[in-house]
């Protein structure tokens, strides 16, 4: 559990600079989590990233961000899909 939390914190820091941190976070959730917990921890990581992103955007201008329309929604969809898809490595690990 400690490795998972440390890995999620490191990948959150990487995500601040580049979106590849979303994939790394999902991989960490898949590798250090069990089969049942891998997807749940990937969803938790996605929620943490989305909340951190909303906080960052609220410091700049949340109105202007959501006024962009589909691009704003796409950023949240990507924040949920990339960790979930990369956490499916647990299926490869178990077979």
PDB file of N, CA and C in Angstrom:
ATOM      1  N   UNK A   1       0.823  -1.194   0.000  1.00  0.00           N
ATOM      2  CA  UNK A   1       0.000   0.000   0.000  1.00  0.00           C
ATOM      3  C   UNK A   1       0.865   1.255   0.000  1.00  0.00           C
ATOM      4  N   UNK A   2       1.964   1.196   0.745  1.00  0.00           N
ATOM      5  CA  UNK A   2       2.847   2.360   0.821  1.00  0.00           C
ATOM      6  C   UNK A   2       3.494   2.634  -0.535  1.00  0.00           C
ATOM      7  N   UNK A   3       3.897   1.565  -1.245  1.00  0.00           N
ATOM      8  CA  UNK A   3       4.488   1.735  -2.570  1.00  0.00           C
ATOM      9  C   UNK A   3       3.483   2.360  -3.532  1.00  0.00           C
ATOM     10  N   UNK A   4       2.230   1.950  -3.416  1.00  0.00           N
ATOM     11  CA  UNK A   4       1.186   2.488  -4.287  1.00  0.00           C
ATOM     12  C   UNK A   4       0.986   3.979  -4.046  1.00  0.00           C
ATOM     13  N   UNK A   5       0.930   4.392  -2.789  1.00  0.00           N
ATOM     14  CA  UNK A   5       0.733   5.810  -2.476  1.00  0.00           C
ATOM     15  C   UNK A   5       1.929   6.664  -2.891  1.00  0.00           C
ATOM     16  N   UNK A   6       3.130   6.148  -2.674  1.00  0.00           N
ATOM     17  CA  UNK A   6       4.322   6.888  -3.092  1.00  0.00           C
ATOM     18  C   UNK A   6       4.375   6.990  -4.619  1.00  0.00           C
ATOM     19  N   UNK A   7       4.044   5.905  -5.280  1.00  0.00           N
ATOM     20  CA  UNK A   7       4.017   5.917  -6.745  1.00  0.00           C
ATOM     21  C   UNK A   7       2.977   6.863  -7.308  1.00  0.00           C
ATOM     22  N   UNK A   8       1.819   6.909  -6.661  1.00  0.00           N
ATOM     23  CA  UNK A   8       0.780   7.836  -7.113  1.00  0.00           C
ATOM     24  C   UNK A   8       1.203   9.287  -6.894  1.00  0.00           C
ATOM     25  N   UNK A   9       1.895   9.562  -5.794  1.00  0.00           N
ATOM     26  CA  UNK A   9       2.365  10.925  -5.535  1.00  0.00           C
ATOM     27  C   UNK A   9       3.425  11.340  -6.561  1.00  0.00           C
ATOM     28  N   UNK A  10       4.326  10.423  -6.885  1.00  0.00           N
ATOM     29  CA  UNK A  10       5.358  10.727  -7.878  1.00  0.00           C
ATOM     30  C   UNK A  10       4.736  10.942  -9.255  1.00  0.00           C
ATOM     31  N   UNK A  11       3.787  10.094  -9.631  1.00  0.00           N
ATOM     32  CA  UNK A  11       3.159  10.249 -10.943  1.00  0.00           C
ATOM     33  C   UNK A  11       2.272  11.493 -10.998  1.00  0.00           C
ATOM     34  N   UNK A  12       1.717  11.910  -9.861  1.00  0.00           N
ATOM     35  CA  UNK A  12       0.971  13.168  -9.835  1.00  0.00           C
ATOM     36  C   UNK A  12       1.910  14.344 -10.084  1.00  0.00           C
ATOM     37  N   UNK A  13       3.104  14.266  -9.533  1.00  0.00           N
ATOM     38  CA  UNK A  13       4.100  15.320  -9.780  1.00  0.00           C
ATOM     39  C   UNK A  13       4.532  15.324 -11.248  1.00  0.00           C
ATOM     40  N   UNK A  14       4.671  14.155 -11.852  1.00  0.00           N
ATOM     41  CA  UNK A  14       5.020  14.076 -13.270  1.00  0.00           C
ATOM     42  C   UNK A  14       3.874  14.613 -14.122  1.00  0.00           C
ATOM     43  N   UNK A  15       2.639  14.322 -13.717  1.00  0.00           N
ATOM     44  CA  UNK A  15       1.473  14.780 -14.462  1.00  0.00           C
ATOM     45  C   UNK A  15       1.378  16.300 -14.474  1.00  0.00           C
ATOM     46  N   UNK A  16       1.899  16.947 -13.458  1.00  0.00           N
ATOM     47  CA  UNK A  16       1.885  18.410 -13.428  1.00  0.00           C
ATOM     48  C   UNK A  16       2.647  18.987 -14.614  1.00  0.00           C
ATOM     49  N   UNK A  17       3.692  18.271 -15.060  1.00  0.00           N
ATOM     50  CA  UNK A  17       4.515  18.772 -16.149  1.00  0.00           C
ATOM     51  C   UNK A  17       4.173  18.157 -17.501  1.00  0.00           C
ATOM     52  N   UNK A  18       3.680  16.915 -17.525  1.00  0.00           N
ATOM     53  CA  UNK A  18       3.409  16.249 -18.799  1.00  0.00           C
ATOM     54  C   UNK A  18       2.325  15.192 -18.590  1.00  0.00           C
ATOM     55  N   UNK A  19       1.530  14.950 -19.628  1.00  0.00           N
ATOM     56  CA  UNK A  19       0.418  14.011 -19.519  1.00  0.00           C
ATOM     57  C   UNK A  19       0.870  12.563 -19.404  1.00  0.00           C
ATOM     58  N   UNK A  20       2.132  12.271 -19.676  1.00  0.00           N
ATOM     59  CA  UNK A  20       2.633  10.901 -19.562  1.00  0.00           C
ATOM     60  C   UNK A  20       2.542  10.406 -18.122  1.00  0.00           C
ATOM     61  N   UNK A  21       2.446  11.327 -17.169  1.00  0.00           N
ATOM     62  CA  UNK A  21       2.260  10.959 -15.770  1.00  0.00           C
ATOM     63  C   UNK A  21       0.955  10.226 -15.531  1.00  0.00           C
ATOM     64  N   UNK A  22      -0.057  10.467 -16.375  1.00  0.00           N
ATOM     65  CA  UNK A  22      -1.318   9.726 -16.261  1.00  0.00           C
ATOM     66  C   UNK A  22      -1.100   8.249 -16.575  1.00  0.00           C
ATOM     67  N   UNK A  23      -0.309   7.977 -17.599  1.00  0.00           N
ATOM     68  CA  UNK A  23      -0.023   6.586 -17.961  1.00  0.00           C
ATOM     69  C   UNK A  23       0.841   5.928 -16.890  1.00  0.00           C
ATOM     70  N   UNK A  24       1.834   6.650 -16.399  1.00  0.00           N
ATOM     71  CA  UNK A  24       2.698   6.107 -15.349  1.00  0.00           C
ATOM     72  C   UNK A  24       1.885   5.827 -14.084  1.00  0.00           C
ATOM     73  N   UNK A  25       0.968   6.726 -13.747  1.00  0.00           N
ATOM     74  CA  UNK A  25       0.108   6.509 -12.577  1.00  0.00           C
ATOM     75  C   UNK A  25      -0.757   5.277 -12.722  1.00  0.00           C
ATOM     76  N   UNK A  26      -1.313   5.068 -13.901  1.00  0.00           N
ATOM     77  CA  UNK A  26      -2.109   3.870 -14.139  1.00  0.00           C
ATOM     78  C   UNK A  26      -1.279   2.604 -14.077  1.00  0.00           C
ATOM     79  N   UNK A  27      -0.064   2.672 -14.628  1.00  0.00           N
ATOM     80  CA  UNK A  27       0.826   1.508 -14.556  1.00  0.00           C
ATOM     81  C   UNK A  27       1.199   1.172 -13.119  1.00  0.00           C
ATOM     82  N   UNK A  28       1.448   2.196 -12.323  1.00  0.00           N
ATOM     83  CA  UNK A  28       1.782   1.965 -10.916  1.00  0.00           C
ATOM     84  C   UNK A  28       0.597   1.353 -10.189  1.00  0.00           C
ATOM     85  N   UNK A  29      -0.597   1.844 -10.482  1.00  0.00           N
ATOM     86  CA  UNK A  29      -1.801   1.266  -9.862  1.00  0.00           C
ATOM     87  C   UNK A  29      -1.983  -0.187 -10.274  1.00  0.00           C
ATOM     88  N   UNK A  30      -1.660  -0.507 -11.525  1.00  0.00           N
ATOM     89  CA  UNK A  30      -1.804  -1.882 -11.996  1.00  0.00           C
ATOM     90  C   UNK A  30      -0.741  -2.815 -11.468  1.00  0.00           C
ATOM     91  N   UNK A  31       0.468  -2.320 -11.317  1.00  0.00           N
ATOM     92  CA  UNK A  31       1.566  -3.187 -10.876  1.00  0.00           C
ATOM     93  C   UNK A  31       1.517  -3.435  -9.374  1.00  0.00           C
ATOM     94  N   UNK A  32       1.289  -2.377  -8.593  1.00  0.00           N
ATOM     95  CA  UNK A  32       1.328  -2.530  -7.137  1.00  0.00           C
ATOM     96  C   UNK A  32      -0.022  -2.883  -6.529  1.00  0.00           C
ATOM     97  N   UNK A  33      -1.083  -2.823  -7.302  1.00  0.00           N
ATOM     98  CA  UNK A  33      -2.393  -3.186  -6.780  1.00  0.00           C
ATOM     99  C   UNK A  33      -2.768  -4.601  -7.159  1.00  0.00           C
ATOM    100  N   UNK A  34      -3.657  -5.195  -6.400  1.00  0.00           N
ATOM    101  CA  UNK A  34      -4.142  -6.523  -6.770  1.00  0.00           C
ATOM    102  C   UNK A  34      -5.148  -6.370  -7.911  1.00  0.00           C
ATOM    103  N   UNK A  35      -5.664  -7.485  -8.389  1.00  0.00           N
ATOM    104  CA  UNK A  35      -6.577  -7.436  -9.528  1.00  0.00           C
ATOM    105  C   UNK A  35      -7.811  -6.603  -9.222  1.00  0.00           C
ATOM    106  N   UNK A  36      -8.367  -6.758  -8.035  1.00  0.00           N
ATOM    107  CA  UNK A  36      -9.584  -6.027  -7.688  1.00  0.00           C
ATOM    108  C   UNK A  36      -9.299  -4.567  -7.370  1.00  0.00           C
ATOM    109  N   UNK A  37      -8.141  -4.301  -6.793  1.00  0.00           N
ATOM    110  CA  UNK A  37      -7.836  -2.945  -6.359  1.00  0.00           C
ATOM    111  C   UNK A  37      -7.196  -2.088  -7.439  1.00  0.00           C
ATOM    112  N   UNK A  38      -6.728  -2.687  -8.522  1.00  0.00           N
ATOM    113  CA  UNK A  38      -6.007  -1.926  -9.542  1.00  0.00           C
ATOM    114  C   UNK A  38      -6.906  -0.894 -10.203  1.00  0.00           C
ATOM    115  N   UNK A  39      -8.098  -1.303 -10.602  1.00  0.00           N
ATOM    116  CA  UNK A  39      -8.994  -0.369 -11.274  1.00  0.00           C
ATOM    117  C   UNK A  39      -9.555   0.668 -10.300  1.00  0.00           C
ATOM    118  N   UNK A  40      -9.807   0.259  -9.072  1.00  0.00           N
ATOM    119  CA  UNK A  40     -10.309   1.210  -8.071  1.00  0.00           C
ATOM    120  C   UNK A  40      -9.253   2.266  -7.745  1.00  0.00           C
ATOM    121  N   UNK A  41      -8.001   1.850  -7.642  1.00  0.00           N
ATOM    122  CA  UNK A  41      -6.954   2.828  -7.358  1.00  0.00           C
ATOM    123  C   UNK A  41      -6.681   3.709  -8.573  1.00  0.00           C
ATOM    124  N   UNK A  42      -6.876   3.196  -9.778  1.00  0.00           N
ATOM    125  CA  UNK A  42      -6.730   4.024 -10.977  1.00  0.00           C
ATOM    126  C   UNK A  42      -7.833   5.078 -11.041  1.00  0.00           C
ATOM    127  N   UNK A  43      -9.046   4.708 -10.650  1.00  0.00           N
ATOM    128  CA  UNK A  43     -10.136   5.684 -10.602  1.00  0.00           C
ATOM    129  C   UNK A  43      -9.858   6.728  -9.530  1.00  0.00           C
ATOM    130  N   UNK A  44      -9.355   6.294  -8.390  1.00  0.00           N
ATOM    131  CA  UNK A  44      -9.007   7.253  -7.333  1.00  0.00           C
ATOM    132  C   UNK A  44      -7.908   8.204  -7.803  1.00  0.00           C
ATOM    133  N   UNK A  45      -6.916   7.675  -8.510  1.00  0.00           N
ATOM    134  CA  UNK A  45      -5.863   8.526  -9.052  1.00  0.00           C
ATOM    135  C   UNK A  45      -6.437   9.528 -10.062  1.00  0.00           C
ATOM    136  N   UNK A  46      -7.369   9.075 -10.898  1.00  0.00           N
ATOM    137  CA  UNK A  46      -8.005   9.963 -11.878  1.00  0.00           C
ATOM    138  C   UNK A  46      -8.769  11.085 -11.193  1.00  0.00           C
ATOM    139  N   UNK A  47      -9.449  10.759 -10.113  1.00  0.00           N
ATOM    140  CA  UNK A  47     -10.198  11.789  -9.379  1.00  0.00           C
ATOM    141  C   UNK A  47      -9.239  12.799  -8.752  1.00  0.00           C
ATOM    142  N   UNK A  48      -8.140  12.315  -8.188  1.00  0.00           N
ATOM    143  CA  UNK A  48      -7.150  13.216  -7.589  1.00  0.00           C
ATOM    144  C   UNK A  48      -6.562  14.147  -8.643  1.00  0.00           C
ATOM    145  N   UNK A  49      -6.245  13.597  -9.818  1.00  0.00           N
ATOM    146  CA  UNK A  49      -5.689  14.414 -10.899  1.00  0.00           C
ATOM    147  C   UNK A  49      -6.713  15.443 -11.369  1.00  0.00           C
ATOM    148  N   UNK A  50      -7.965  15.036 -11.494  1.00  0.00           N
ATOM    149  CA  UNK A  50      -9.005  15.964 -11.953  1.00  0.00           C
ATOM    150  C   UNK A  50      -9.230  17.091 -10.953  1.00  0.00           C
ATOM    151  N   UNK A  51      -9.237  16.766  -9.671  1.00  0.00           N
ATOM    152  CA  UNK A  51      -9.408  17.803  -8.647  1.00  0.00           C
ATOM    153  C   UNK A  51      -8.210  18.758  -8.648  1.00  0.00           C
ATOM    154  N   UNK A  52      -7.008  18.208  -8.773  1.00  0.00           N
ATOM    155  CA  UNK A  52      -5.821  19.065  -8.828  1.00  0.00           C
ATOM    156  C   UNK A  52      -5.851  19.960 -10.066  1.00  0.00           C
ATOM    157  N   UNK A  53      -6.350  19.434 -11.166  1.00  0.00           N
ATOM    158  CA  UNK A  53      -6.448  20.221 -12.392  1.00  0.00           C
ATOM    159  C   UNK A  53      -7.484  21.339 -12.252  1.00  0.00           C
ATOM    160  N   UNK A  54      -8.601  21.048 -11.604  1.00  0.00           N
ATOM    161  CA  UNK A  54      -9.624  22.081 -11.389  1.00  0.00           C
ATOM    162  C   UNK A  54      -9.085  23.169 -10.472  1.00  0.00           C
ATOM    163  N   UNK A  55      -8.340  22.776  -9.444  1.00  0.00           N
ATOM    164  CA  UNK A  55      -7.751  23.775  -8.540  1.00  0.00           C
ATOM    165  C   UNK A  55      -6.764  24.653  -9.301  1.00  0.00           C
ATOM    166  N   UNK A  56      -5.942  24.040 -10.139  1.00  0.00           N
ATOM    167  CA  UNK A  56      -4.973  24.813 -10.921  1.00  0.00           C
ATOM    168  C   UNK A  56      -5.688  25.764 -11.883  1.00  0.00           C
ATOM    169  N   UNK A  57      -6.727  25.280 -12.544  1.00  0.00           N
ATOM    170  CA  UNK A  57      -7.455  26.127 -13.484  1.00  0.00           C
ATOM    171  C   UNK A  57      -8.247  27.220 -12.769  1.00  0.00           C
ATOM    172  N   UNK A  58      -8.703  26.953 -11.559  1.00  0.00           N
ATOM    173  CA  UNK A  58      -9.448  27.983 -10.826  1.00  0.00           C
ATOM    174  C   UNK A  58      -8.544  29.130 -10.407  1.00  0.00           C
ATOM    175  N   UNK A  59      -7.249  28.846 -10.257  1.00  0.00           N
ATOM    176  CA  UNK A  59      -6.308  29.924  -9.963  1.00  0.00           C
ATOM    177  C   UNK A  59      -6.116  30.826 -11.171  1.00  0.00           C
ATOM    178  N   UNK A  60      -6.233  30.255 -12.350  1.00  0.00           N
ATOM    179  CA  UNK A  60      -6.072  31.049 -13.573  1.00  0.00           C
ATOM    180  C   UNK A  60      -7.415  31.678 -13.935  1.00  0.00           C
ATOM    181  N   UNK A  61      -8.329  30.875 -14.450  1.00  0.00           N
ATOM    182  CA  UNK A  61      -9.677  31.346 -14.761  1.00  0.00           C
ATOM    183  C   UNK A  61     -10.512  30.139 -15.159  1.00  0.00           C
ATOM    184  N   UNK A  62     -11.345  29.702 -14.246  1.00  0.00           N
ATOM    185  CA  UNK A  62     -12.173  28.528 -14.500  1.00  0.00           C
ATOM    186  C   UNK A  62     -13.247  28.819 -15.532  1.00  0.00           C
ATOM    187  N   UNK A  63     -13.747  30.046 -15.571  1.00  0.00           N
ATOM    188  CA  UNK A  63     -14.772  30.428 -16.551  1.00  0.00           C
ATOM    189  C   UNK A  63     -14.245  30.295 -17.972  1.00  0.00           C
ATOM    190  N   UNK A  64     -13.060  30.819 -18.205  1.00  0.00           N
ATOM    191  CA  UNK A  64     -12.482  30.763 -19.547  1.00  0.00           C
ATOM    192  C   UNK A  64     -12.168  29.338 -19.956  1.00  0.00           C
ATOM    193  N   UNK A  65     -11.780  28.510 -18.988  1.00  0.00           N
ATOM    194  CA  UNK A  65     -11.465  27.124 -19.306  1.00  0.00           C
ATOM    195  C   UNK A  65     -12.710  26.378 -19.768  1.00  0.00           C
ATOM    196  N   UNK A  66     -13.805  26.497 -19.036  1.00  0.00           N
ATOM    197  CA  UNK A  66     -15.023  25.788 -19.426  1.00  0.00           C
ATOM    198  C   UNK A  66     -15.710  26.426 -20.616  1.00  0.00           C
ATOM    199  N   UNK A  67     -15.361  27.663 -20.938  1.00  0.00           N
ATOM    200  CA  UNK A  67     -15.914  28.311 -22.126  1.00  0.00           C
ATOM    201  C   UNK A  67     -15.323  27.721 -23.405  1.00  0.00           C
ATOM    202  N   UNK A  68     -14.221  26.987 -23.289  1.00  0.00           N
ATOM    203  CA  UNK A  68     -13.620  26.370 -24.469  1.00  0.00           C
ATOM    204  C   UNK A  68     -14.444  25.207 -24.982  1.00  0.00           C
ATOM    205  N   UNK A  69     -15.383  24.716 -24.203  1.00  0.00           N
ATOM    206  CA  UNK A  69     -16.296  23.672 -24.674  1.00  0.00           C
ATOM    207  C   UNK A  69     -15.695  22.283 -24.671  1.00  0.00           C
ATOM    208  N   UNK A  70     -15.659  21.674 -25.857  1.00  0.00           N
ATOM    209  CA  UNK A  70     -15.268  20.272 -25.981  1.00  0.00           C
ATOM    210  C   UNK A  70     -13.824  20.007 -25.538  1.00  0.00           C
ATOM    211  N   UNK A  71     -12.957  20.965 -25.692  1.00  0.00           N
ATOM    212  CA  UNK A  71     -11.570  20.769 -25.264  1.00  0.00           C
ATOM    213  C   UNK A  71     -11.499  20.599 -23.751  1.00  0.00           C
ATOM    214  N   UNK A  72     -12.318  21.349 -23.038  1.00  0.00           N
ATOM    215  CA  UNK A  72     -12.353  21.227 -21.584  1.00  0.00           C
ATOM    216  C   UNK A  72     -12.855  19.854 -21.162  1.00  0.00           C
ATOM    217  N   UNK A  73     -13.897  19.382 -21.834  1.00  0.00           N
ATOM    218  CA  UNK A  73     -14.440  18.066 -21.491  1.00  0.00           C
ATOM    219  C   UNK A  73     -13.473  16.953 -21.884  1.00  0.00           C
ATOM    220  N   UNK A  74     -12.769  17.143 -22.980  1.00  0.00           N
ATOM    221  CA  UNK A  74     -11.808  16.148 -23.432  1.00  0.00           C
ATOM    222  C   UNK A  74     -10.674  15.969 -22.435  1.00  0.00           C
ATOM    223  N   UNK A  75     -10.276  17.053 -21.778  1.00  0.00           N
ATOM    224  CA  UNK A  75      -9.195  16.943 -20.795  1.00  0.00           C
ATOM    225  C   UNK A  75      -9.619  16.074 -19.609  1.00  0.00           C
ATOM    226  N   UNK A  76     -10.886  16.122 -19.220  1.00  0.00           N
ATOM    227  CA  UNK A  76     -11.357  15.265 -18.128  1.00  0.00           C
ATOM    228  C   UNK A  76     -11.531  13.816 -18.586  1.00  0.00           C
ATOM    229  N   UNK A  77     -11.958  13.623 -19.820  1.00  0.00           N
ATOM    230  CA  UNK A  77     -12.103  12.259 -20.342  1.00  0.00           C
ATOM    231  C   UNK A  77     -10.735  11.584 -20.425  1.00  0.00           C
ATOM    232  N   UNK A  78      -9.742  12.321 -20.901  1.00  0.00           N
ATOM    233  CA  UNK A  78      -8.389  11.772 -20.989  1.00  0.00           C
ATOM    234  C   UNK A  78      -7.837  11.470 -19.600  1.00  0.00           C
ATOM    235  N   UNK A  79      -8.147  12.350 -18.634  1.00  0.00           N
ATOM    236  CA  UNK A  79      -7.655  12.140 -17.267  1.00  0.00           C
ATOM    237  C   UNK A  79      -8.242  10.880 -16.642  1.00  0.00           C
ATOM    238  N   UNK A  80      -9.404  10.432 -17.107  1.00  0.00           N
ATOM    239  CA  UNK A  80      -9.981   9.197 -16.580  1.00  0.00           C
ATOM    240  C   UNK A  80      -9.603   7.974 -17.413  1.00  0.00           C
ATOM    241  N   UNK A  81      -9.494   8.127 -18.717  1.00  0.00           N
ATOM    242  CA  UNK A  81      -9.251   6.953 -19.557  1.00  0.00           C
ATOM    243  C   UNK A  81      -7.808   6.464 -19.524  1.00  0.00           C
ATOM    244  N   UNK A  82      -6.846   7.361 -19.559  1.00  0.00           N
ATOM    245  CA  UNK A  82      -5.447   6.918 -19.601  1.00  0.00           C
ATOM    246  C   UNK A  82      -5.034   6.094 -18.381  1.00  0.00           C
ATOM    247  N   UNK A  83      -5.332   6.531 -17.150  1.00  0.00           N
ATOM    248  CA  UNK A  83      -4.967   5.670 -16.017  1.00  0.00           C
ATOM    249  C   UNK A  83      -5.726   4.340 -15.996  1.00  0.00           C
ATOM    250  N   UNK A  84      -6.993   4.355 -16.405  1.00  0.00           N
ATOM    251  CA  UNK A  84      -7.757   3.102 -16.416  1.00  0.00           C
ATOM    252  C   UNK A  84      -7.200   2.116 -17.437  1.00  0.00           C
ATOM    253  N   UNK A  85      -6.897   2.621 -18.620  1.00  0.00           N
ATOM    254  CA  UNK A  85      -6.364   1.724 -19.645  1.00  0.00           C
ATOM    255  C   UNK A  85      -4.975   1.206 -19.281  1.00  0.00           C
ATOM    256  N   UNK A  86      -4.149   2.064 -18.718  1.00  0.00           N
ATOM    257  CA  UNK A  86      -2.805   1.601 -18.371  1.00  0.00           C
ATOM    258  C   UNK A  86      -2.788   0.736 -17.117  1.00  0.00           C
ATOM    259  N   UNK A  87      -3.822   0.839 -16.281  1.00  0.00           N
ATOM    260  CA  UNK A  87      -3.873  -0.041 -15.109  1.00  0.00           C
ATOM    261  C   UNK A  87      -4.319  -1.448 -15.487  1.00  0.00           C
ATOM    262  N   UNK A  88      -4.761  -1.627 -16.712  1.00  0.00           N
ATOM    263  CA  UNK A  88      -5.163  -2.971 -17.137  1.00  0.00           C
ATOM    264  C   UNK A  88      -3.954  -3.882 -17.323  1.00  0.00           C
ATOM    265  N   UNK A  89      -2.755  -3.366 -17.063  1.00  0.00           N
ATOM    266  CA  UNK A  89      -1.561  -4.214 -17.075  1.00  0.00           C
ATOM    267  C   UNK A  89      -1.672  -5.307 -16.018  1.00  0.00           C
ATOM    268  N   UNK A  90      -2.523  -5.106 -15.027  1.00  0.00           N
ATOM    269  CA  UNK A  90      -2.717  -6.138 -14.005  1.00  0.00           C
ATOM    270  C   UNK A  90      -3.317  -7.401 -14.627  1.00  0.00           C
ATOM    271  N   UNK A  91      -4.044  -7.261 -15.708  1.00  0.00           N
ATOM    272  CA  UNK A  91      -4.578  -8.439 -16.381  1.00  0.00           C
ATOM    273  C   UNK A  91      -3.457  -9.242 -17.042  1.00  0.00           C
ATOM    274  N   UNK A  92      -2.434  -8.558 -17.525  1.00  0.00           N
ATOM    275  CA  UNK A  92      -1.289  -9.262 -18.096  1.00  0.00           C
ATOM    276  C   UNK A  92      -0.436  -9.913 -17.025  1.00  0.00           C
ATOM    277  N   UNK A  93      -0.371  -9.230 -15.878  1.00  0.00           N
ATOM    278  CA  UNK A  93       0.434  -9.745 -14.766  1.00  0.00           C
ATOM    279  C   UNK A  93      -0.165 -11.026 -14.187  1.00  0.00           C
ATOM    280  N   UNK A  94      -1.503 -11.103 -14.165  1.00  0.00           N
ATOM    281  CA  UNK A  94      -2.146 -12.249 -13.521  1.00  0.00           C
ATOM    282  C   UNK A  94      -2.177 -13.488 -14.406  1.00  0.00           C
ATOM    283  N   UNK A  95      -1.972 -13.317 -15.711  1.00  0.00           N
ATOM    284  CA  UNK A  95      -2.044 -14.504 -16.584  1.00  0.00           C
ATOM    285  C   UNK A  95      -0.691 -15.131 -16.820  1.00  0.00           C
TER     286      UNK A  95
END
